[in-house]
Amino acid sequence: MSFWHALILGIVEGITEFLPVSSTAHLTATSNLLGYQIDDRGITAFTAVIQTGAILAVIVYFWKDIVTLLGAWFRGLFHKDQRGPEYRMAWIVIVGSIPIGLVGFFARDIISGRLRNMWVIVGALVFWSLIMWIAEKVAKQRRYQPDLTMNDGIFIGLMQVLALIPGVSRSGATISAGLFRGLNRVTATRLSFLMGIPALMAAGVFEAVGSRHDIAAEGGPGWFATIVATVVSFFVAWAAIAWLLRLVAKHPISVFIWWRLIIAGLLAALLYTGVMSETGAFPVDTAAHWWIWPAVGLAFVLIGIIMFYAARPSVDQIIAEHDHAVRTGQIPVVSRRR
């Protein structure tokens, strides 16, 4: 794998890992378009390993929270009188991470084999868009982090298992599950980040150790490209985490539905016309299929426009925030001279 391909895939991973748009779908589709066999062991291992860069970004970003939770967990194990909300939260993250770890381990051949199908990805992108829309419609958002229970962790953890299907999106599954449980959007998103650390880190390390020969084999991506993509995904994911937390504080996750549907439509068109294969990559002949890259470019321009308008504050929101700032003294009241 060339440096530029590694750079592109690292950027794609960093942007999409924590957004509810499915990083696996984007990485698989991009790898396919770049000419790689998407069900190849080396490529599936490469995809899992570079996720560790994004996970490291979460660890650094939430470092204080993680230290607090771990400290509370260890203290609570030996001292019952110190089992507070942080102790419970730590157990929720641990218990919620177990289902995806077990299913991911025992069904790893199916996940990296038969489910690595582009039509599966298209279907999952469309289907889970509907689930996200329903989750936002029924969401009450009356519960916050102190209100989390073990039942929340179990339910969200079970829903996280569905993210093993490429196209569903781990963050999309967990945030939607949190909304179904009545959590407010920011709480659900923070829990999604924390719950992803054990599962994704374990998957990345497991693939790095178990598939190190596939990555380094002739025709494989190689360790240099893997390291480059991992480092790039770390820095890009850092920015994506900060942006998403600000976004969900004021906007529903349903703003990502159009992104998912545009990508699903583009992939369906590429599959239907034979430019892209279901499980492997056709060589992209830009001379014979001149419309491919303009179509890809147009899709992302549309995504950019839609996300800009969907995420921008409304006039009413700006006025409300200004009035609140005036009432709280953040902005001085200037009287008009007559």
Protein backbone atom coordinates (compact mmCIF):
# COMPACT_ATOMS: atom_id res chain seq x y z
CA MET A 1 0.00 0.00 0.00
CA SER A 2 1.34 3.40 -0.95
CA PHE A 3 1.83 6.30 1.46
CA TRP A 4 -0.97 8.30 -0.20
CA HIS A 5 -3.45 5.43 0.04
CA ALA A 6 -2.55 5.02 3.73
CA LEU A 7 -3.03 8.76 4.24
CA ILE A 8 -6.46 8.71 2.59
CA LEU A 9 -7.64 5.68 4.58
CA GLY A 10 -6.33 7.19 7.84
CA ILE A 11 -8.29 10.38 7.20
CA VAL A 12 -11.44 8.40 6.36
CA GLU A 13 -11.08 6.34 9.56
CA GLY A 14 -10.45 9.39 11.74
CA ILE A 15 -13.44 11.32 10.39
CA THR A 16 -15.96 8.49 10.43
CA GLU A 17 -15.03 6.30 13.44
CA PHE A 18 -17.13 8.23 15.94
CA LEU A 19 -19.70 9.80 13.64
CA PRO A 20 -22.89 7.72 13.22
CA VAL A 21 -22.13 7.06 9.54
CA SER A 22 -20.19 3.75 9.82
CA SER A 23 -16.42 3.93 9.52
CA THR A 24 -16.35 0.32 8.29
CA ALA A 25 -18.65 1.20 5.39
CA HIS A 26 -16.50 4.17 4.39
CA LEU A 27 -13.21 2.30 4.80
CA THR A 28 -14.49 -0.73 2.89
CA ALA A 29 -15.88 1.39 0.05
CA THR A 30 -12.74 3.53 -0.14
CA SER A 31 -10.49 0.46 -0.11
CA ASN A 32 -12.61 -1.04 -2.88
CA LEU A 33 -12.35 2.10 -5.03
CA LEU A 34 -8.59 2.20 -4.46
CA GLY A 35 -8.35 -1.32 -5.87
CA TYR A 36 -7.95 -3.49 -2.77
CA GLN A 37 -9.65 -6.83 -2.16
CA ILE A 38 -11.92 -5.95 0.74
CA ASP A 39 -12.32 -9.51 2.06
CA ASP A 40 -8.54 -10.06 2.06
CA ARG A 41 -7.20 -10.91 5.52
CA GLY A 42 -4.52 -8.26 5.30
CA ILE A 43 -7.03 -5.50 4.47
CA THR A 44 -9.51 -6.51 7.19
CA ALA A 45 -6.64 -6.60 9.70
CA PHE A 46 -5.44 -3.20 8.46
CA THR A 47 -8.93 -1.78 9.00
CA ALA A 48 -9.08 -3.09 12.58
CA VAL A 49 -5.57 -1.97 13.50
CA ILE A 50 -5.89 1.64 12.32
CA GLN A 51 -8.98 1.98 14.55
CA THR A 52 -6.57 1.98 17.50
CA GLY A 53 -5.41 5.44 16.40
CA ALA A 54 -8.94 6.76 16.76
CA ILE A 55 -9.36 4.94 20.09
CA LEU A 56 -6.15 6.48 21.40
CA ALA A 57 -7.64 9.87 20.50
CA VAL A 58 -10.66 9.07 22.71
CA ILE A 59 -8.39 7.95 25.55
CA VAL A 60 -6.41 11.19 25.38
CA TYR A 61 -9.53 13.34 24.98
CA PHE A 62 -11.33 11.72 27.94
CA TRP A 63 -8.19 11.01 29.96
CA LYS A 64 -9.44 12.73 33.14
CA ASP A 65 -12.78 10.92 32.94
CA ILE A 66 -11.06 7.57 32.40
CA VAL A 67 -8.67 8.09 35.33
CA THR A 68 -11.60 9.10 37.54
CA LEU A 69 -13.64 6.04 36.55
CA LEU A 70 -10.74 3.62 36.97
CA GLY A 71 -9.82 5.12 40.35
CA ALA A 72 -13.44 4.91 41.52
CA TRP A 73 -13.71 1.32 40.26
CA PHE A 74 -10.56 0.11 42.06
CA ARG A 75 -11.52 1.92 45.27
CA GLY A 76 -15.06 0.55 45.12
CA LEU A 77 -13.82 -3.01 44.72
CA PHE A 78 -12.22 -2.90 48.17
CA HIS A 79 -14.29 -0.27 49.97
CA LYS A 80 -18.10 -0.51 49.82
CA ASP A 81 -18.54 2.97 51.26
CA GLN A 82 -16.82 4.47 48.16
CA ARG A 83 -19.11 2.91 45.58
CA GLY A 84 -20.57 6.10 44.11
CA PRO A 85 -21.83 7.13 40.65
CA GLU A 86 -18.35 6.86 39.08
CA TYR A 87 -17.99 3.28 40.37
CA ARG A 88 -21.35 2.39 38.84
CA MET A 89 -20.45 4.14 35.59
CA ALA A 90 -17.22 2.12 35.34
CA TRP A 91 -19.15 -1.12 35.71
CA ILE A 92 -21.68 0.02 33.09
CA VAL A 93 -18.86 0.57 30.59
CA ILE A 94 -17.26 -2.79 31.43
CA VAL A 95 -20.47 -4.82 31.27
CA GLY A 96 -21.65 -3.01 28.14
CA SER A 97 -18.39 -3.89 26.37
CA ILE A 98 -18.64 -7.64 27.00
CA PRO A 99 -21.31 -8.61 24.39
CA ILE A 100 -19.50 -7.10 21.39
CA GLY A 101 -16.22 -8.60 22.59
CA LEU A 102 -17.66 -12.12 22.80
CA VAL A 103 -19.62 -11.99 19.54
CA GLY A 104 -16.75 -10.27 17.73
CA PHE A 105 -14.33 -13.00 18.82
CA PHE A 106 -16.46 -16.07 18.12
CA ALA A 107 -18.01 -14.73 14.89
CA ARG A 108 -14.84 -13.10 13.58
CA ASP A 109 -14.68 -15.30 10.47
CA ILE A 110 -18.24 -14.38 9.46
CA ILE A 111 -17.66 -10.69 10.21
CA SER A 112 -14.45 -10.50 8.17
CA GLY A 113 -15.81 -12.79 5.47
CA ARG A 114 -19.43 -13.03 4.40
CA LEU A 115 -20.50 -9.75 5.99
CA ARG A 116 -17.82 -7.89 4.03
CA ASN A 117 -20.27 -7.48 1.20
CA MET A 118 -21.01 -4.12 -0.35
CA TRP A 119 -24.74 -4.83 -0.68
CA VAL A 120 -24.85 -5.66 3.05
CA ILE A 121 -23.27 -2.27 3.71
CA VAL A 122 -25.80 -0.47 1.49
CA GLY A 123 -28.71 -2.20 3.23
CA ALA A 124 -27.32 -1.50 6.71
CA LEU A 125 -26.72 2.18 5.93
CA VAL A 126 -30.35 2.59 4.83
CA PHE A 127 -31.94 0.43 7.54
CA TRP A 128 -30.08 2.00 10.46
CA SER A 129 -30.86 5.46 9.16
CA LEU A 130 -34.51 4.58 9.83
CA ILE A 131 -33.63 3.39 13.35
CA MET A 132 -31.77 6.65 14.07
CA TRP A 133 -34.77 8.66 12.86
CA ILE A 134 -37.13 6.67 15.10
CA ALA A 135 -34.74 7.02 18.07
CA GLU A 136 -34.78 10.79 17.76
CA LYS A 137 -38.56 10.88 17.37
CA VAL A 138 -39.24 8.87 20.53
CA ALA A 139 -36.35 10.29 22.57
CA LYS A 140 -37.39 11.92 25.85
CA GLN A 141 -33.84 12.93 26.89
CA ARG A 142 -34.80 13.32 30.55
CA ARG A 143 -32.00 11.19 32.01
CA TYR A 144 -28.36 12.22 32.52
CA GLN A 145 -25.13 10.50 33.54
CA PRO A 146 -26.03 10.21 37.27
CA ASP A 147 -29.24 8.41 36.21
CA LEU A 148 -27.44 5.61 34.35
CA THR A 149 -28.17 2.07 35.51
CA MET A 150 -26.76 -1.36 34.76
CA ASN A 151 -29.83 -2.09 32.62
CA ASP A 152 -28.79 0.84 30.41
CA GLY A 153 -25.32 -0.66 30.04
CA ILE A 154 -26.69 -4.09 29.13
CA PHE A 155 -29.19 -2.72 26.61
CA ILE A 156 -26.69 -0.38 24.95
CA GLY A 157 -24.05 -3.12 24.98
CA LEU A 158 -26.37 -5.54 23.20
CA MET A 159 -27.24 -2.89 20.62
CA GLN A 160 -23.52 -2.28 20.11
CA VAL A 161 -23.21 -5.88 18.85
CA LEU A 162 -25.24 -4.89 15.78
CA ALA A 163 -22.38 -2.56 14.82
CA LEU A 164 -20.41 -5.67 13.83
CA ILE A 165 -22.55 -5.56 10.68
CA PRO A 166 -20.71 -3.19 8.33
CA GLY A 167 -22.83 -0.13 7.63
CA VAL A 168 -24.69 0.02 10.95
CA SER A 169 -22.15 2.24 12.79
CA ARG A 170 -21.06 1.56 16.36
CA SER A 171 -21.74 5.13 17.49
CA GLY A 172 -25.03 5.14 15.60
CA ALA A 173 -26.11 1.95 17.38
CA THR A 174 -25.04 3.02 20.88
CA ILE A 175 -26.30 6.61 20.69
CA SER A 176 -29.64 5.40 19.30
CA ALA A 177 -29.83 2.83 22.11
CA GLY A 178 -29.18 5.57 24.66
CA LEU A 179 -31.95 7.69 23.18
CA PHE A 180 -34.36 4.74 23.33
CA ARG A 181 -33.49 4.46 27.03
CA GLY A 182 -34.40 8.12 27.59
CA LEU A 183 -30.84 9.44 27.95
CA ASN A 184 -30.06 12.92 26.78
CA ARG A 185 -28.00 13.06 23.60
CA VAL A 186 -24.72 14.26 25.12
CA THR A 187 -24.82 11.58 27.84
CA ALA A 188 -25.52 8.89 25.24
CA THR A 189 -22.66 10.15 23.07
CA ARG A 190 -20.13 10.27 25.91
CA LEU A 191 -21.14 6.75 26.97
CA SER A 192 -20.75 5.64 23.34
CA PHE A 193 -17.18 6.97 23.30
CA LEU A 194 -16.24 5.30 26.59
CA MET A 195 -17.91 2.00 25.72
CA GLY A 196 -16.02 1.85 22.44
CA ILE A 197 -12.59 1.95 24.07
CA PRO A 198 -12.38 -1.64 25.42
CA ALA A 199 -14.00 -3.30 22.41
CA LEU A 200 -12.17 -1.46 19.64
CA MET A 201 -8.82 -1.46 21.39
CA ALA A 202 -9.07 -5.20 22.02
CA ALA A 203 -10.04 -5.81 18.39
CA GLY A 204 -7.13 -3.72 17.12
CA VAL A 205 -4.56 -5.43 19.34
CA PHE A 206 -5.97 -8.88 18.54
CA GLU A 207 -5.74 -8.24 14.79
CA ALA A 208 -2.28 -6.70 15.10
CA VAL A 209 -0.98 -9.81 16.87
CA GLY A 210 -3.02 -12.47 15.09
CA SER A 211 -2.76 -11.05 11.56
CA ARG A 212 0.69 -9.49 11.67
CA HIS A 213 1.88 -11.89 8.97
CA ASP A 214 -1.09 -11.03 6.72
CA ILE A 215 -0.35 -7.31 7.04
CA ALA A 216 3.34 -7.84 6.26
CA ALA A 217 2.79 -10.46 3.54
CA GLU A 218 3.54 -9.76 -0.11
CA GLY A 219 0.55 -7.91 -1.54
CA GLY A 220 -0.60 -6.91 1.95
CA PRO A 221 -0.82 -3.30 3.16
CA GLY A 222 2.51 -3.48 5.03
CA TRP A 223 3.36 -2.15 8.49
CA PHE A 224 4.63 1.21 7.28
CA ALA A 225 1.29 2.04 5.65
CA THR A 226 -0.57 0.67 8.68
CA ILE A 227 1.38 2.88 11.09
CA VAL A 228 0.93 5.95 8.87
CA ALA A 229 -2.84 5.42 8.68
CA THR A 230 -3.04 4.82 12.44
CA VAL A 231 -1.18 8.05 13.29
CA VAL A 232 -3.28 10.06 10.85
CA SER A 233 -6.50 8.60 12.22
CA PHE A 234 -5.45 9.69 15.75
CA PHE A 235 -5.18 13.39 14.90
CA VAL A 236 -8.23 13.47 12.63
CA ALA A 237 -10.34 11.56 15.20
CA TRP A 238 -9.36 14.05 17.92
CA ALA A 239 -10.91 16.88 15.92
CA ALA A 240 -13.96 14.76 15.02
CA ILE A 241 -14.66 13.93 18.70
CA ALA A 242 -14.64 17.59 19.74
CA TRP A 243 -16.86 18.54 16.78
CA LEU A 244 -19.39 15.77 17.42
CA LEU A 245 -19.78 16.60 21.11
CA ARG A 246 -20.53 20.22 20.24
CA LEU A 247 -22.92 19.13 17.50
CA VAL A 248 -25.04 16.72 19.54
CA ALA A 249 -25.44 19.31 22.31
CA LYS A 250 -27.80 21.24 20.03
CA HIS A 251 -28.66 19.00 17.08
CA PRO A 252 -30.18 15.51 16.65
CA ILE A 253 -28.14 12.61 15.26
CA SER A 254 -30.73 12.41 12.49
CA VAL A 255 -28.73 15.16 10.71
CA PHE A 256 -26.41 12.33 9.66
CA ILE A 257 -29.17 10.39 7.92
CA TRP A 258 -28.73 12.27 4.65
CA TRP A 259 -24.99 11.56 4.74
CA ARG A 260 -25.71 7.84 5.15
CA LEU A 261 -28.34 7.79 2.40
CA ILE A 262 -26.12 9.65 -0.09
CA ILE A 263 -23.28 7.18 0.49
CA ALA A 264 -25.72 4.25 0.21
CA GLY A 265 -27.06 5.63 -3.08
CA LEU A 266 -23.56 6.17 -4.47
CA LEU A 267 -22.45 2.65 -3.54
CA ALA A 268 -25.63 1.14 -4.99
CA ALA A 269 -24.99 2.98 -8.28
CA LEU A 270 -21.39 1.76 -8.41
CA LEU A 271 -22.49 -1.81 -7.66
CA TYR A 272 -25.38 -1.77 -10.12
CA THR A 273 -23.22 -0.48 -12.98
CA GLY A 274 -20.52 -3.07 -12.26
CA VAL A 275 -17.84 -0.52 -11.41
CA MET A 276 -17.58 -1.95 -7.90
CA SER A 277 -17.83 -5.63 -6.99
CA GLU A 278 -19.70 -7.06 -4.03
CA THR A 279 -16.76 -8.60 -2.18
CA GLY A 280 -13.70 -7.60 -4.17
CA ALA A 281 -12.45 -4.64 -6.15
CA PHE A 282 -12.71 -4.21 -9.88
CA PRO A 283 -9.87 -2.14 -11.36
CA VAL A 284 -11.29 1.35 -11.71
CA ASP A 285 -10.86 2.36 -15.34
CA THR A 286 -11.46 6.10 -15.30
CA ALA A 287 -11.42 6.20 -19.07
CA ALA A 288 -14.27 3.72 -19.38
CA HIS A 289 -16.08 5.01 -16.32
CA TRP A 290 -15.28 8.71 -16.43
CA TRP A 291 -18.20 9.58 -14.15
CA ILE A 292 -16.91 7.70 -11.07
CA TRP A 293 -14.74 10.35 -9.44
CA PRO A 294 -17.01 13.28 -10.33
CA ALA A 295 -19.86 11.29 -8.76
CA VAL A 296 -17.81 10.65 -5.62
CA GLY A 297 -16.82 14.32 -5.48
CA LEU A 298 -20.43 15.45 -5.96
CA ALA A 299 -21.60 13.10 -3.21
CA PHE A 300 -19.22 14.61 -0.69
CA VAL A 301 -20.02 18.16 -1.80
CA LEU A 302 -23.70 17.39 -1.16
CA ILE A 303 -22.82 15.87 2.22
CA GLY A 304 -20.83 18.98 3.12
CA ILE A 305 -23.66 21.33 2.13
CA ILE A 306 -26.30 19.29 3.96
CA MET A 307 -24.21 19.00 7.14
CA PHE A 308 -23.44 22.73 7.07
CA TYR A 309 -27.09 23.72 6.83
CA ALA A 310 -28.31 20.98 9.18
CA ALA A 311 -25.76 21.81 11.89
CA ARG A 312 -25.86 25.59 11.69
CA PRO A 313 -27.74 27.37 14.46
CA SER A 314 -31.16 28.65 13.52
CA VAL A 315 -32.09 32.33 13.81
CA ASP A 316 -34.35 31.51 16.77
CA GLN A 317 -31.52 29.64 18.48
CA ILE A 318 -29.11 32.55 18.01
CA ILE A 319 -31.68 35.00 19.43
CA ALA A 320 -32.40 32.69 22.39
CA GLU A 321 -28.68 32.32 23.17
CA HIS A 322 -28.21 36.10 22.92
CA ASP A 323 -31.16 36.77 25.25
CA HIS A 324 -29.79 34.21 27.73
CA ALA A 325 -26.37 35.88 27.65
CA VAL A 326 -27.97 39.26 28.32
CA ARG A 327 -30.04 37.91 31.23
CA THR A 328 -27.02 36.24 32.84
CA GLY A 329 -24.85 39.35 32.43
CA GLN A 330 -22.47 37.82 29.88
CA ILE A 331 -23.38 40.64 27.48
CA PRO A 332 -23.99 44.13 28.89
CA VAL A 333 -27.28 45.80 28.07
CA VAL A 334 -26.67 48.88 25.97
CA SER A 335 -29.45 51.45 26.18
CA ARG A 336 -30.38 53.35 23.06
CA ARG A 337 -30.10 57.14 23.01
CA ARG A 338 -33.20 58.89 21.91
